[in-house]
Protein backbone atom coordinates (compact mmCIF):
# COMPACT_ATOMS: atom_id res chain seq x y z
CA MET A 1 -88.27 -61.20 -58.77
CA LEU A 2 -91.50 -59.57 -57.60
CA SER A 3 -90.30 -56.16 -58.76
CA ILE A 4 -89.51 -57.50 -62.25
CA LEU A 5 -92.93 -59.15 -62.47
CA ARG A 6 -94.66 -55.94 -61.42
CA ILE A 7 -92.72 -53.85 -63.94
CA ILE A 8 -93.60 -56.25 -66.76
CA VAL A 9 -97.30 -56.27 -65.83
CA VAL A 10 -97.41 -52.46 -65.57
CA ILE A 11 -95.66 -51.93 -68.91
CA ILE A 12 -97.87 -54.40 -70.79
CA TYR A 13 -101.07 -53.11 -69.17
CA SER A 14 -100.15 -49.45 -69.78
CA ILE A 15 -99.31 -50.01 -73.44
CA LEU A 16 -102.57 -51.91 -73.99
CA VAL A 17 -104.62 -49.17 -72.30
CA CYS A 18 -102.86 -46.43 -74.29
CA VAL A 19 -103.16 -48.18 -77.66
CA PHE A 20 -106.79 -49.17 -77.09
CA GLY A 21 -107.52 -45.71 -75.68
CA CYS A 22 -106.07 -43.89 -78.70
CA ILE A 23 -108.16 -46.00 -81.07
CA TYR A 24 -111.28 -45.56 -78.94
CA CYS A 25 -110.80 -41.78 -78.65
CA LEU A 26 -110.44 -41.38 -82.42
CA PHE A 27 -114.23 -41.83 -82.63
CA SER A 28 -114.75 -38.82 -80.32
CA PRO A 29 -111.40 -37.07 -79.98
CA ARG A 30 -110.81 -34.51 -77.23
CA ASN A 31 -114.02 -35.50 -75.41
CA PRO A 32 -113.46 -34.53 -71.75
CA LYS A 33 -115.42 -37.57 -70.54
CA HIS A 34 -112.50 -39.77 -71.60
CA VAL A 35 -110.11 -38.43 -68.95
CA SER A 36 -112.03 -39.91 -66.02
CA THR A 37 -112.56 -43.20 -67.88
CA PHE A 38 -108.92 -43.84 -68.65
CA GLY A 39 -107.67 -42.29 -65.41
CA ARG A 40 -109.59 -44.95 -63.51
CA LEU A 41 -108.21 -47.67 -65.76
CA PHE A 42 -104.71 -46.62 -64.70
CA GLY A 43 -105.96 -46.50 -61.12
CA ARG A 44 -106.63 -50.24 -61.33
CA LEU A 45 -102.88 -50.77 -61.20
CA ALA A 46 -102.86 -49.98 -57.46
CA PRO A 47 -103.33 -53.64 -56.39
CA VAL A 48 -100.45 -54.63 -58.68
CA PHE A 49 -98.22 -52.49 -56.45
CA GLY A 50 -99.72 -54.02 -53.30
CA LEU A 51 -101.40 -50.74 -52.44
CA LYS A 52 -104.95 -50.32 -51.18
CA VAL A 53 -106.47 -47.01 -52.27
CA GLU A 54 -109.43 -45.68 -50.31
CA LEU A 55 -111.53 -42.94 -51.92
CA ARG A 56 -113.59 -40.38 -50.03
CA ARG A 57 -115.96 -37.88 -51.60
CA PRO A 58 -118.18 -35.27 -49.93
CA GLU A 59 -121.93 -35.67 -50.06
CA GLY A 60 -123.43 -34.34 -53.29
CA HIS A 61 -120.16 -34.49 -55.22
CA GLU A 62 -121.98 -35.83 -58.29
CA ASN A 63 -123.86 -32.52 -58.50
CA PHE A 64 -120.86 -30.21 -58.13
CA PRO A 65 -120.77 -27.39 -60.72
CA ASN A 66 -117.88 -26.56 -63.04
CA ALA A 67 -114.83 -26.19 -60.82
CA ILE A 68 -111.08 -26.26 -60.61
CA TYR A 69 -109.85 -29.28 -58.69
CA ILE A 70 -106.46 -28.87 -57.02
CA CYS A 71 -104.42 -31.78 -55.73
CA ASN A 72 -101.07 -32.35 -54.05
CA HIS A 73 -98.52 -33.71 -56.53
CA GLN A 74 -96.11 -36.23 -55.00
CA ASN A 75 -94.65 -38.58 -57.62
CA ASN A 76 -95.55 -40.88 -60.52
CA TYR A 77 -97.75 -42.96 -58.23
CA ASP A 78 -100.35 -40.17 -58.47
CA MET A 79 -101.43 -42.07 -61.61
CA ILE A 80 -102.69 -44.96 -59.47
CA THR A 81 -103.99 -42.94 -56.52
CA ALA A 82 -105.40 -39.51 -57.45
CA ALA A 83 -106.49 -40.70 -60.91
CA ASN A 84 -109.17 -42.84 -59.28
CA ILE A 85 -111.17 -39.87 -58.02
CA VAL A 86 -111.23 -37.67 -61.15
CA GLU A 87 -114.85 -36.73 -61.85
CA PRO A 88 -116.42 -37.11 -65.32
CA SER A 89 -115.87 -34.15 -67.69
CA THR A 90 -112.78 -33.09 -65.77
CA VAL A 91 -109.56 -32.59 -67.73
CA THR A 92 -106.06 -31.98 -66.45
CA VAL A 93 -103.62 -29.22 -67.28
CA GLY A 94 -100.17 -30.64 -68.02
CA LYS A 95 -96.86 -29.59 -69.49
CA LYS A 96 -96.46 -29.76 -73.27
CA SER A 97 -93.55 -32.21 -73.05
CA LEU A 98 -95.99 -34.95 -71.97
CA LEU A 99 -97.05 -35.20 -75.61
CA TRP A 100 -93.71 -36.82 -76.50
CA ILE A 101 -94.05 -39.77 -74.12
CA PRO A 102 -94.68 -42.81 -76.39
CA PHE A 103 -98.27 -44.06 -76.28
CA PHE A 104 -99.19 -42.14 -73.10
CA GLY A 105 -98.61 -38.70 -74.59
CA GLN A 106 -100.90 -39.37 -77.53
CA LEU A 107 -103.65 -40.71 -75.23
CA TYR A 108 -103.20 -37.72 -72.92
CA TRP A 109 -103.92 -35.32 -75.78
CA LEU A 110 -106.73 -37.34 -77.38
CA THR A 111 -108.66 -37.59 -74.12
CA GLY A 112 -108.99 -33.80 -74.07
CA ASN A 113 -106.36 -32.69 -71.56
CA LEU A 114 -104.87 -29.21 -71.92
CA LEU A 115 -101.15 -28.85 -72.65
CA ILE A 116 -99.22 -25.73 -71.72
CA ASP A 117 -95.73 -24.52 -72.54
CA ARG A 118 -94.20 -23.79 -69.15
CA ASP A 119 -91.03 -22.43 -70.74
CA ASN A 120 -93.01 -19.68 -72.45
CA ARG A 121 -94.39 -17.34 -69.80
CA ALA A 122 -96.69 -15.49 -72.20
CA LYS A 123 -98.32 -18.72 -73.38
CA ALA A 124 -98.56 -20.08 -69.85
CA HIS A 125 -100.37 -16.94 -68.66
CA GLY A 126 -102.61 -17.14 -71.73
CA THR A 127 -103.79 -20.51 -70.45
CA ILE A 128 -105.85 -18.72 -67.80
CA GLY A 129 -107.90 -17.03 -70.50
CA GLU A 130 -108.26 -20.34 -72.28
CA LEU A 131 -109.60 -21.98 -69.12
CA VAL A 132 -112.15 -19.22 -68.63
CA ASN A 133 -113.32 -19.61 -72.24
CA GLU A 134 -113.72 -23.36 -71.81
CA PHE A 135 -115.80 -22.85 -68.65
CA GLN A 136 -118.12 -20.51 -70.53
CA LYS A 137 -118.54 -22.81 -73.55
CA LYS A 138 -119.31 -26.16 -71.94
CA LYS A 139 -119.74 -28.14 -68.75
CA ILE A 140 -116.16 -28.91 -67.93
CA SER A 141 -113.86 -28.83 -64.93
CA PHE A 142 -110.08 -28.65 -64.69
CA TRP A 143 -107.65 -30.60 -62.53
CA MET A 144 -104.46 -28.80 -61.60
CA PHE A 145 -101.43 -29.34 -59.37
CA PRO A 146 -100.82 -25.91 -57.76
CA GLU A 147 -97.38 -26.94 -56.46
CA GLY A 148 -96.25 -26.96 -60.09
CA THR A 149 -93.93 -29.93 -59.62
CA ARG A 150 -93.67 -33.24 -57.75
CA SER A 151 -92.90 -32.79 -54.07
CA ARG A 152 -90.98 -36.09 -53.75
CA GLY A 153 -91.13 -36.24 -49.97
CA ARG A 154 -90.65 -32.51 -49.32
CA GLY A 155 -94.16 -32.08 -47.95
CA LEU A 156 -96.75 -29.75 -49.45
CA LEU A 157 -94.79 -27.24 -51.52
CA PRO A 158 -95.75 -23.55 -51.92
CA PHE A 159 -98.66 -22.99 -54.32
CA LYS A 160 -98.43 -21.10 -57.58
CA THR A 161 -101.43 -18.85 -58.24
CA GLY A 162 -102.43 -19.80 -61.81
CA ALA A 163 -105.26 -22.14 -60.79
CA PHE A 164 -106.66 -19.55 -58.39
CA HIS A 165 -106.53 -16.70 -60.90
CA ALA A 166 -108.49 -18.91 -63.34
CA ALA A 167 -111.08 -19.86 -60.72
CA VAL A 168 -111.70 -16.26 -59.69
CA ALA A 169 -111.85 -15.05 -63.31
CA ALA A 170 -114.32 -17.80 -64.25
CA GLY A 171 -116.34 -17.48 -61.04
CA VAL A 172 -116.07 -21.19 -60.23
CA PRO A 173 -115.22 -22.89 -56.93
CA ILE A 174 -111.97 -24.55 -55.97
CA ILE A 175 -112.27 -28.19 -54.89
CA PRO A 176 -109.23 -29.49 -53.00
CA VAL A 177 -108.21 -33.15 -53.29
CA VAL A 178 -105.64 -34.57 -50.90
CA VAL A 179 -103.68 -37.82 -51.26
CA SER A 180 -101.97 -39.25 -48.18
CA ASN A 181 -98.22 -39.69 -48.34
CA THR A 182 -96.89 -42.14 -50.94
CA HIS A 183 -93.25 -41.01 -50.91
CA ASP A 184 -90.92 -43.93 -50.19
CA LYS A 185 -93.98 -46.01 -49.32
CA ILE A 186 -94.13 -48.43 -52.23
CA LYS A 187 -91.36 -51.02 -52.38
CA LEU A 188 -91.49 -53.06 -55.57
CA ASN A 189 -90.11 -56.17 -53.90
CA ARG A 190 -92.56 -55.99 -50.98
CA LEU A 191 -95.86 -57.85 -51.41
CA LYS A 192 -98.08 -55.43 -49.48
CA ASN A 193 -97.44 -51.70 -49.41
CA GLY A 194 -100.22 -50.56 -47.16
CA LEU A 195 -102.90 -47.92 -47.56
CA ALA A 196 -103.31 -44.61 -49.36
CA ILE A 197 -106.34 -42.38 -48.78
CA VAL A 198 -107.57 -39.97 -51.45
CA GLU A 199 -110.06 -37.43 -50.11
CA MET A 200 -112.04 -34.84 -52.03
CA MET A 201 -112.89 -31.89 -49.81
CA PRO A 202 -115.95 -29.61 -50.00
CA PRO A 203 -115.79 -26.74 -52.53
CA VAL A 204 -114.15 -23.46 -51.57
CA ASP A 205 -116.32 -20.52 -52.69
CA THR A 206 -114.00 -18.17 -54.57
CA LYS A 207 -116.60 -15.40 -54.53
CA SER A 208 -115.86 -14.80 -50.87
CA PHE A 209 -112.30 -13.85 -51.91
CA GLU A 210 -113.29 -11.42 -54.67
CA ASN A 211 -112.23 -8.42 -52.60
CA GLN A 212 -109.02 -10.06 -51.44
CA SER A 213 -105.83 -11.02 -53.23
CA VAL A 214 -105.59 -14.28 -55.13
CA ARG A 215 -102.60 -15.12 -52.97
CA LYS A 216 -104.88 -15.16 -49.90
CA LEU A 217 -107.16 -17.64 -51.65
CA ALA A 218 -104.16 -19.81 -52.51
CA THR A 219 -102.88 -19.61 -48.93
CA HIS A 220 -106.31 -20.50 -47.54
CA CYS A 221 -106.57 -23.57 -49.78
CA ARG A 222 -103.03 -24.66 -48.95
CA GLU A 223 -103.76 -24.43 -45.23
CA LEU A 224 -106.89 -26.56 -45.65
CA MET A 225 -104.98 -29.17 -47.65
CA SER A 226 -101.99 -29.18 -45.31
CA ALA A 227 -104.20 -29.85 -42.29
CA LYS A 228 -106.06 -32.59 -44.17
CA LEU A 229 -102.78 -34.17 -45.31
CA ASP A 230 -101.54 -34.35 -41.71
CA GLU A 231 -104.87 -35.86 -40.67
CA LEU A 232 -104.82 -38.51 -43.39
CA ASN A 233 -101.18 -39.43 -42.77
CA ALA A 234 -101.91 -39.91 -39.06
CA GLU A 235 -104.92 -42.09 -39.86
CA VAL A 236 -102.98 -44.21 -42.34
CA ALA A 237 -100.15 -44.71 -39.85
CA ALA A 238 -102.58 -45.76 -37.09
CA ARG A 239 -104.51 -48.17 -39.33
CA GLU A 240 -101.37 -49.75 -40.75
CA ALA A 241 -99.96 -50.20 -37.24
CA SER A 242 -103.17 -51.89 -36.10
CA GLY A 243 -103.52 -53.95 -39.26
CA LYS A 244 -107.01 -52.54 -39.89
CA LEU A 245 -106.79 -51.57 -43.55
């Protein structure tokens, strides 16, 4: 019964946010400030799932320059965890097929997110140039999932290099964001589903990798995020065991 109630609440809330959001964004379509606003509205669904989401940001995060944010991509629950920490004027890079999801796809485009055709290699590679151009034209940051797909309990997958090529070409830092494990954590018929921690890490200066391969930069960032993920998972497990959420 609880699962049915949750599903109904989520569907109604999501449709209302998407419909209202599309109307609202028509007055300033493709404004990158909208992504953070509506991402956090979806983040408010966390309590509906019985999940407590704890956000951590480094000191001075509000003054970070244009950057590429990279985050581990686990499952659809990223919408209620990672979405909470998206900084203003940050847009995501998503697959073109998202546009065809009723209500959500239209809001995703109107809020200013960038859609890429992953089935067309030439167009996908051209996205790097598009990112660099956007960095040069306005104050904007990009949010990307370097794993390229949802991990679904397989741990932190190998990183693709697109985000790192773009960061080096644009001369902007990489800012890792790590979300503690949510795979098989949320049970719809369970009242409380524990804790998830979302932590934004300090920027990684890409200029120090200018004379090295982009793959080394990607490997460095993955190692940082992997260590942080293990740390957060251990903390979550200890706090849930002690009841100190």
